[in-house]
Amino acid sequence: MKRQSIYQEILNFNVEEIWNIVINQEETSWRSDLIRTEILSEHTFKEYSVLGAKTTFKITKIMENQYYAFDMESSFFKGYWYGEFIQLGDQSTKIIFFEKIYFRNPLVYLMSFFKLHLKEIQKKYVEDLKKSLTNQKKELK
């Protein structure tokens, strides 16, 4: 009982600017889907969503400005996520976000098709990311 999604987009921002926001788990106020994030250790953190869900993440691989991956687990699922960051130009970066989740319960798996739209979640994450990057640029001017 698994689901997966891949999201790709070219962003008109420098790869380093994108990278610095994505990997900073201490500053997640830019994300509209979270209430807060708790740092548990150097490579482990927990997110608390606006819907009340708690998900624990364990970072498994980091290649600066290129690749970021983690395992994730909640009471409903476990899975993994990775992001690839490909610099196309000084202000152009292709992002590829892949997510695969395995559901613990068949009923939750079926309900996920109605309540857990992975592609929409990824799209909203990137929308929030672009807003944060745009605001960051405005502050620098």
C-alpha atoms as a PDB file:
ATOM      1  CA  MET A   1       0.000   0.000   0.000  1.00  0.00           C
ATOM      2  CA  LYS A   2       2.213   2.749  -1.273  1.00  0.00           C
ATOM      3  CA  ARG A   3       1.823   6.049  -3.037  1.00  0.00           C
ATOM      4  CA  GLN A   4       4.412   8.211  -4.657  1.00  0.00           C
ATOM      5  CA  SER A   5       4.732  11.530  -6.394  1.00  0.00           C
ATOM      6  CA  ILE A   6       7.373  13.460  -8.258  1.00  0.00           C
ATOM      7  CA  TYR A   7       7.287  17.221  -8.686  1.00  0.00           C
ATOM      8  CA  GLN A   8       9.571  19.152 -11.025  1.00  0.00           C
ATOM      9  CA  GLU A   9       9.832  22.855 -11.676  1.00  0.00           C
ATOM     10  CA  ILE A  10      12.358  25.416 -12.849  1.00  0.00           C
ATOM     11  CA  LEU A  11      12.662  28.277 -10.382  1.00  0.00           C
ATOM     12  CA  ASN A  12      14.134  31.656 -11.263  1.00  0.00           C
ATOM     13  CA  PHE A  13      16.375  31.702  -8.224  1.00  0.00           C
ATOM     14  CA  ASN A  14      19.960  30.762  -7.461  1.00  0.00           C
ATOM     15  CA  VAL A  15      20.434  27.166  -6.299  1.00  0.00           C
ATOM     16  CA  GLU A  16      22.151  28.304  -3.093  1.00  0.00           C
ATOM     17  CA  GLU A  17      19.233  30.567  -2.126  1.00  0.00           C
ATOM     18  CA  ILE A  18      16.781  27.697  -2.616  1.00  0.00           C
ATOM     19  CA  TRP A  19      19.016  25.222  -0.817  1.00  0.00           C
ATOM     20  CA  ASN A  20      19.465  27.436   2.242  1.00  0.00           C
ATOM     21  CA  ILE A  21      15.719  27.715   2.775  1.00  0.00           C
ATOM     22  CA  VAL A  22      14.879  24.052   2.117  1.00  0.00           C
ATOM     23  CA  ILE A  23      17.456  22.581   4.495  1.00  0.00           C
ATOM     24  CA  ASN A  24      16.925  25.075   7.342  1.00  0.00           C
ATOM     25  CA  GLN A  25      14.638  23.124   9.656  1.00  0.00           C
ATOM     26  CA  GLU A  26      14.982  25.731  12.397  1.00  0.00           C
ATOM     27  CA  GLU A  27      13.220  28.397  10.305  1.00  0.00           C
ATOM     28  CA  THR A  28      10.014  27.071   8.772  1.00  0.00           C
ATOM     29  CA  SER A  29       7.671  30.031   9.321  1.00  0.00           C
ATOM     30  CA  TRP A  30       7.463  30.422   5.518  1.00  0.00           C
ATOM     31  CA  ARG A  31       5.542  27.135   5.271  1.00  0.00           C
ATOM     32  CA  SER A  32       1.775  27.522   5.406  1.00  0.00           C
ATOM     33  CA  ASP A  33       1.251  23.836   6.256  1.00  0.00           C
ATOM     34  CA  LEU A  34       3.188  23.840   9.548  1.00  0.00           C
ATOM     35  CA  ILE A  35       2.598  25.107  13.053  1.00  0.00           C
ATOM     36  CA  ARG A  36       6.158  24.412  14.129  1.00  0.00           C
ATOM     37  CA  THR A  37       9.223  22.220  13.746  1.00  0.00           C
ATOM     38  CA  GLU A  38      11.108  20.596  16.613  1.00  0.00           C
ATOM     39  CA  ILE A  39      14.804  19.733  16.234  1.00  0.00           C
ATOM     40  CA  LEU A  40      15.417  16.364  17.925  1.00  0.00           C
ATOM     41  CA  SER A  41      19.083  15.878  16.987  1.00  0.00           C
ATOM     42  CA  GLU A  42      21.569  16.941  14.323  1.00  0.00           C
ATOM     43  CA  HIS A  43      19.859  14.751  11.700  1.00  0.00           C
ATOM     44  CA  THR A  44      16.351  14.304  13.117  1.00  0.00           C
ATOM     45  CA  PHE A  45      13.423  16.698  13.363  1.00  0.00           C
ATOM     46  CA  LYS A  46       9.665  16.599  13.829  1.00  0.00           C
ATOM     47  CA  GLU A  47       7.065  18.662  11.986  1.00  0.00           C
ATOM     48  CA  TYR A  48       3.688  19.606  13.442  1.00  0.00           C
ATOM     49  CA  SER A  49       1.146  20.350  10.714  1.00  0.00           C
ATOM     50  CA  VAL A  50      -1.767  22.787  10.872  1.00  0.00           C
ATOM     51  CA  LEU A  51      -4.024  19.711  10.639  1.00  0.00           C
ATOM     52  CA  GLY A  52      -2.536  18.209  13.801  1.00  0.00           C
ATOM     53  CA  ALA A  53      -0.298  15.584  12.199  1.00  0.00           C
ATOM     54  CA  LYS A  54       3.159  14.888  13.617  1.00  0.00           C
ATOM     55  CA  THR A  55       5.827  13.512  11.311  1.00  0.00           C
ATOM     56  CA  THR A  56       9.405  12.612  12.265  1.00  0.00           C
ATOM     57  CA  PHE A  57      12.196  12.989   9.709  1.00  0.00           C
ATOM     58  CA  LYS A  58      15.695  11.511   9.685  1.00  0.00           C
ATOM     59  CA  ILE A  59      18.106  13.091   7.214  1.00  0.00           C
ATOM     60  CA  THR A  60      19.851  10.330   5.260  1.00  0.00           C
ATOM     61  CA  LYS A  61      21.942  12.181   2.676  1.00  0.00           C
ATOM     62  CA  ILE A  62      23.115  15.715   1.991  1.00  0.00           C
ATOM     63  CA  MET A  63      25.172  16.865  -0.983  1.00  0.00           C
ATOM     64  CA  GLU A  64      25.408  20.643  -0.663  1.00  0.00           C
ATOM     65  CA  ASN A  65      23.313  22.548  -3.221  1.00  0.00           C
ATOM     66  CA  GLN A  66      22.589  19.281  -5.058  1.00  0.00           C
ATOM     67  CA  TYR A  67      20.764  16.585  -3.103  1.00  0.00           C
ATOM     68  CA  TYR A  68      18.819  16.319   0.148  1.00  0.00           C
ATOM     69  CA  ALA A  69      17.086  13.154   1.378  1.00  0.00           C
ATOM     70  CA  PHE A  70      15.327  11.900   4.458  1.00  0.00           C
ATOM     71  CA  ASP A  71      13.206   9.081   5.815  1.00  0.00           C
ATOM     72  CA  MET A  72       9.881  10.068   7.362  1.00  0.00           C
ATOM     73  CA  GLU A  73       7.457   8.405   9.702  1.00  0.00           C
ATOM     74  CA  SER A  74       4.106   9.180  11.307  1.00  0.00           C
ATOM     75  CA  SER A  75       1.454   7.094  13.002  1.00  0.00           C
ATOM     76  CA  PHE A  76      -0.172   6.531   9.580  1.00  0.00           C
ATOM     77  CA  PHE A  77       2.768   5.968   7.239  1.00  0.00           C
ATOM     78  CA  LYS A  78       6.492   5.691   6.721  1.00  0.00           C
ATOM     79  CA  GLY A  79       8.425   6.632   3.639  1.00  0.00           C
ATOM     80  CA  TYR A  80      11.153   8.740   2.154  1.00  0.00           C
ATOM     81  CA  TRP A  81      11.663  11.972   0.273  1.00  0.00           C
ATOM     82  CA  TYR A  82      14.495  13.390  -1.776  1.00  0.00           C
ATOM     83  CA  GLY A  83      15.118  16.620  -3.550  1.00  0.00           C
ATOM     84  CA  GLU A  84      17.507  17.246  -6.411  1.00  0.00           C
ATOM     85  CA  PHE A  85      18.709  20.776  -7.113  1.00  0.00           C
ATOM     86  CA  ILE A  86      20.175  21.383 -10.560  1.00  0.00           C
ATOM     87  CA  GLN A  87      21.689  24.793 -11.285  1.00  0.00           C
ATOM     88  CA  LEU A  88      20.825  25.769 -14.851  1.00  0.00           C
ATOM     89  CA  GLY A  89      22.151  29.331 -14.658  1.00  0.00           C
ATOM     90  CA  ASP A  90      22.967  31.983 -12.087  1.00  0.00           C
ATOM     91  CA  GLN A  91      19.265  32.643 -11.410  1.00  0.00           C
ATOM     92  CA  SER A  92      17.754  29.400 -12.683  1.00  0.00           C
ATOM     93  CA  THR A  93      17.451  26.112 -10.812  1.00  0.00           C
ATOM     94  CA  LYS A  94      15.560  22.936 -11.612  1.00  0.00           C
ATOM     95  CA  ILE A  95      14.108  21.213  -8.571  1.00  0.00           C
ATOM     96  CA  ILE A  96      12.967  17.605  -8.547  1.00  0.00           C
ATOM     97  CA  PHE A  97      11.137  16.449  -5.418  1.00  0.00           C
ATOM     98  CA  PHE A  98      10.303  12.765  -5.052  1.00  0.00           C
ATOM     99  CA  GLU A  99       8.192  11.274  -2.276  1.00  0.00           C
ATOM    100  CA  LYS A 100       7.151   7.686  -1.575  1.00  0.00           C
ATOM    101  CA  ILE A 101       5.000   6.695   1.371  1.00  0.00           C
ATOM    102  CA  TYR A 102       3.889   3.302   2.657  1.00  0.00           C
ATOM    103  CA  PHE A 103       0.655   3.189   4.625  1.00  0.00           C
ATOM    104  CA  ARG A 104       0.324   1.073   7.748  1.00  0.00           C
ATOM    105  CA  ASN A 105      -3.437   0.612   7.462  1.00  0.00           C
ATOM    106  CA  PRO A 106      -5.474  -0.317   4.340  1.00  0.00           C
ATOM    107  CA  LEU A 107      -8.309   2.021   5.329  1.00  0.00           C
ATOM    108  CA  VAL A 108      -5.932   4.977   5.713  1.00  0.00           C
ATOM    109  CA  TYR A 109      -4.426   4.062   2.345  1.00  0.00           C
ATOM    110  CA  LEU A 110      -7.873   4.240   0.690  1.00  0.00           C
ATOM    111  CA  MET A 111      -8.730   7.489   2.469  1.00  0.00           C
ATOM    112  CA  SER A 112      -5.439   8.999   1.317  1.00  0.00           C
ATOM    113  CA  PHE A 113      -6.776   9.216  -2.239  1.00  0.00           C
ATOM    114  CA  PHE A 114      -9.378  11.691  -0.971  1.00  0.00           C
ATOM    115  CA  LYS A 115      -7.463  13.543   1.738  1.00  0.00           C
ATOM    116  CA  LEU A 116      -3.753  13.238   0.933  1.00  0.00           C
ATOM    117  CA  HIS A 117      -3.015  14.585  -2.531  1.00  0.00           C
ATOM    118  CA  LEU A 118       0.767  14.245  -2.689  1.00  0.00           C
ATOM    119  CA  LYS A 119       1.192  16.297  -5.863  1.00  0.00           C
ATOM    120  CA  GLU A 120      -0.908  19.137  -4.396  1.00  0.00           C
ATOM    121  CA  ILE A 121       1.097  19.041  -1.162  1.00  0.00           C
ATOM    122  CA  GLN A 122       4.344  19.262  -3.147  1.00  0.00           C
ATOM    123  CA  LYS A 123       2.940  22.079  -5.287  1.00  0.00           C
ATOM    124  CA  LYS A 124       1.895  24.067  -2.190  1.00  0.00           C
ATOM    125  CA  TYR A 125       5.348  23.534  -0.663  1.00  0.00           C
ATOM    126  CA  VAL A 126       6.970  24.990  -3.794  1.00  0.00           C
ATOM    127  CA  GLU A 127       4.500  27.901  -3.867  1.00  0.00           C
ATOM    128  CA  ASP A 128       5.439  28.712  -0.263  1.00  0.00           C
ATOM    129  CA  LEU A 129       9.117  28.340  -1.147  1.00  0.00           C
ATOM    130  CA  LYS A 130       8.813  30.778  -4.074  1.00  0.00           C
ATOM    131  CA  LYS A 131       7.023  33.324  -1.856  1.00  0.00           C
ATOM    132  CA  SER A 132       9.795  33.050   0.716  1.00  0.00           C
ATOM    133  CA  LEU A 133      12.498  33.476  -1.928  1.00  0.00           C
ATOM    134  CA  THR A 134      10.707  36.490  -3.431  1.00  0.00           C
ATOM    135  CA  ASN A 135      10.301  38.099  -0.002  1.00  0.00           C
ATOM    136  CA  GLN A 136      13.967  37.461   0.728  1.00  0.00           C
ATOM    137  CA  LYS A 137      14.963  39.266  -2.473  1.00  0.00           C
ATOM    138  CA  LYS A 138      12.713  42.241  -1.627  1.00  0.00           C
ATOM    139  CA  GLU A 139      14.317  42.538   1.805  1.00  0.00           C
ATOM    140  CA  LEU A 140      17.779  42.672   0.234  1.00  0.00           C
ATOM    141  CA  LYS A 141      16.849  45.587  -2.040  1.00  0.00           C
END
